[in-house]
Protein backbone atom coordinates (compact mmCIF):
# COMPACT_ATOMS: atom_id res chain seq x y z
CA MET A 1 -56.20 -52.87 -151.48
CA ILE A 2 -54.35 -50.31 -153.62
CA GLY A 3 -56.52 -48.20 -155.92
CA VAL A 4 -55.62 -47.85 -159.56
CA LYS A 5 -56.04 -44.54 -161.34
CA VAL A 6 -56.32 -44.24 -165.09
CA ILE A 7 -55.93 -41.01 -167.01
CA ILE A 8 -57.76 -40.91 -170.32
CA PRO A 9 -56.78 -37.94 -172.50
CA LYS A 10 -59.68 -36.18 -174.19
CA SER A 11 -57.60 -33.66 -176.09
CA THR A 12 -55.17 -34.09 -178.96
CA GLY A 13 -52.94 -31.61 -177.16
CA LEU A 14 -51.61 -34.51 -175.13
CA MET A 15 -51.04 -36.57 -178.27
CA LEU A 16 -48.94 -34.10 -180.28
CA VAL A 17 -46.02 -36.51 -180.50
CA ASN A 18 -48.26 -39.28 -181.83
CA LYS A 19 -49.25 -37.91 -185.23
CA THR A 20 -50.25 -40.57 -187.72
CA GLY A 21 -47.71 -41.26 -190.41
CA SER A 22 -48.40 -42.60 -193.88
CA TRP A 23 -49.00 -46.12 -192.53
CA ARG A 24 -52.74 -45.84 -191.77
CA SER A 25 -54.69 -48.15 -194.12
CA THR A 26 -58.27 -47.19 -193.19
CA ARG A 27 -59.93 -44.06 -191.86
CA PRO A 28 -63.32 -43.36 -190.33
CA VAL A 29 -65.94 -41.31 -192.16
CA ILE A 30 -68.98 -40.03 -190.27
CA ASP A 31 -72.37 -40.12 -192.03
CA GLU A 32 -73.89 -36.91 -190.69
CA ARG A 33 -77.40 -38.11 -191.60
CA LYS A 34 -77.07 -41.04 -189.18
CA CYS A 35 -75.00 -39.34 -186.46
CA THR A 36 -77.06 -38.28 -183.43
CA GLY A 37 -74.18 -36.62 -181.58
CA CYS A 38 -74.30 -39.18 -178.75
CA LEU A 39 -70.46 -39.09 -178.49
CA ILE A 40 -70.08 -42.83 -177.86
CA CYS A 41 -67.31 -42.69 -180.49
CA TRP A 42 -65.54 -39.96 -178.51
CA LYS A 43 -65.74 -41.98 -175.30
CA PHE A 44 -64.16 -45.07 -176.86
CA CYS A 45 -61.47 -43.48 -179.07
CA PRO A 46 -58.11 -44.59 -177.64
CA ASP A 47 -56.22 -41.75 -179.35
CA ALA A 48 -58.53 -38.87 -178.36
CA CYS A 49 -58.79 -37.79 -181.98
CA ILE A 50 -62.56 -37.21 -182.00
CA GLU A 51 -63.47 -33.61 -181.31
CA PRO A 52 -66.81 -33.38 -179.49
CA GLY A 53 -69.47 -30.93 -180.53
CA GLU A 54 -73.03 -30.99 -181.81
CA LYS A 55 -71.67 -33.36 -184.45
CA PRO A 56 -68.27 -34.91 -183.67
CA LYS A 57 -65.34 -34.35 -186.01
CA ILE A 58 -62.43 -36.74 -186.48
CA ASN A 59 -58.95 -35.24 -186.43
CA LEU A 60 -57.24 -37.42 -189.03
CA ASP A 61 -53.83 -36.06 -188.01
CA TYR A 62 -54.04 -38.30 -184.95
CA CYS A 63 -56.43 -41.09 -186.00
CA LYS A 64 -54.68 -44.45 -186.29
CA GLY A 65 -57.58 -46.08 -188.16
CA CYS A 66 -58.27 -48.71 -185.50
CA GLY A 67 -62.03 -48.71 -186.18
CA ILE A 68 -63.13 -48.78 -182.54
CA CYS A 69 -65.33 -45.71 -183.11
CA ALA A 70 -67.13 -47.43 -186.01
CA GLU A 71 -67.53 -50.65 -184.04
CA GLU A 72 -68.99 -48.87 -180.99
CA CYS A 73 -71.35 -46.47 -182.81
CA PRO A 74 -74.90 -47.69 -182.01
CA PHE A 75 -76.28 -45.93 -185.09
CA ASP A 76 -73.79 -47.27 -187.68
CA ALA A 77 -72.92 -43.67 -188.50
CA ILE A 78 -69.19 -44.32 -188.91
CA GLU A 79 -67.77 -46.29 -191.80
CA MET A 80 -64.15 -47.33 -192.16
CA VAL A 81 -62.93 -46.62 -195.68
CA ARG A 82 -59.69 -47.63 -197.35
CA GLU A 83 -57.07 -44.88 -197.19
CA GLU A 84 -56.06 -43.57 -200.60
CA LYS A 85 -52.32 -43.28 -201.18
């Protein structure tokens, strides 16, 4: 059986060519009162745009607005809001 290896980037440095354009329709907003810093959002973000720390920060330059972080947050600390044009 051949093993499969998957590389998951955890730094926006690898995503420099994938900056979000003006097409994003929603963006995540973290409610710091609800956020526990568990970093589940960071683990599930497919674009590695969540910067870990005591309280995670979302780098909107790279966020595509997919909403996976909000869906996976066990504390409902992330809300997807409509992007203002």
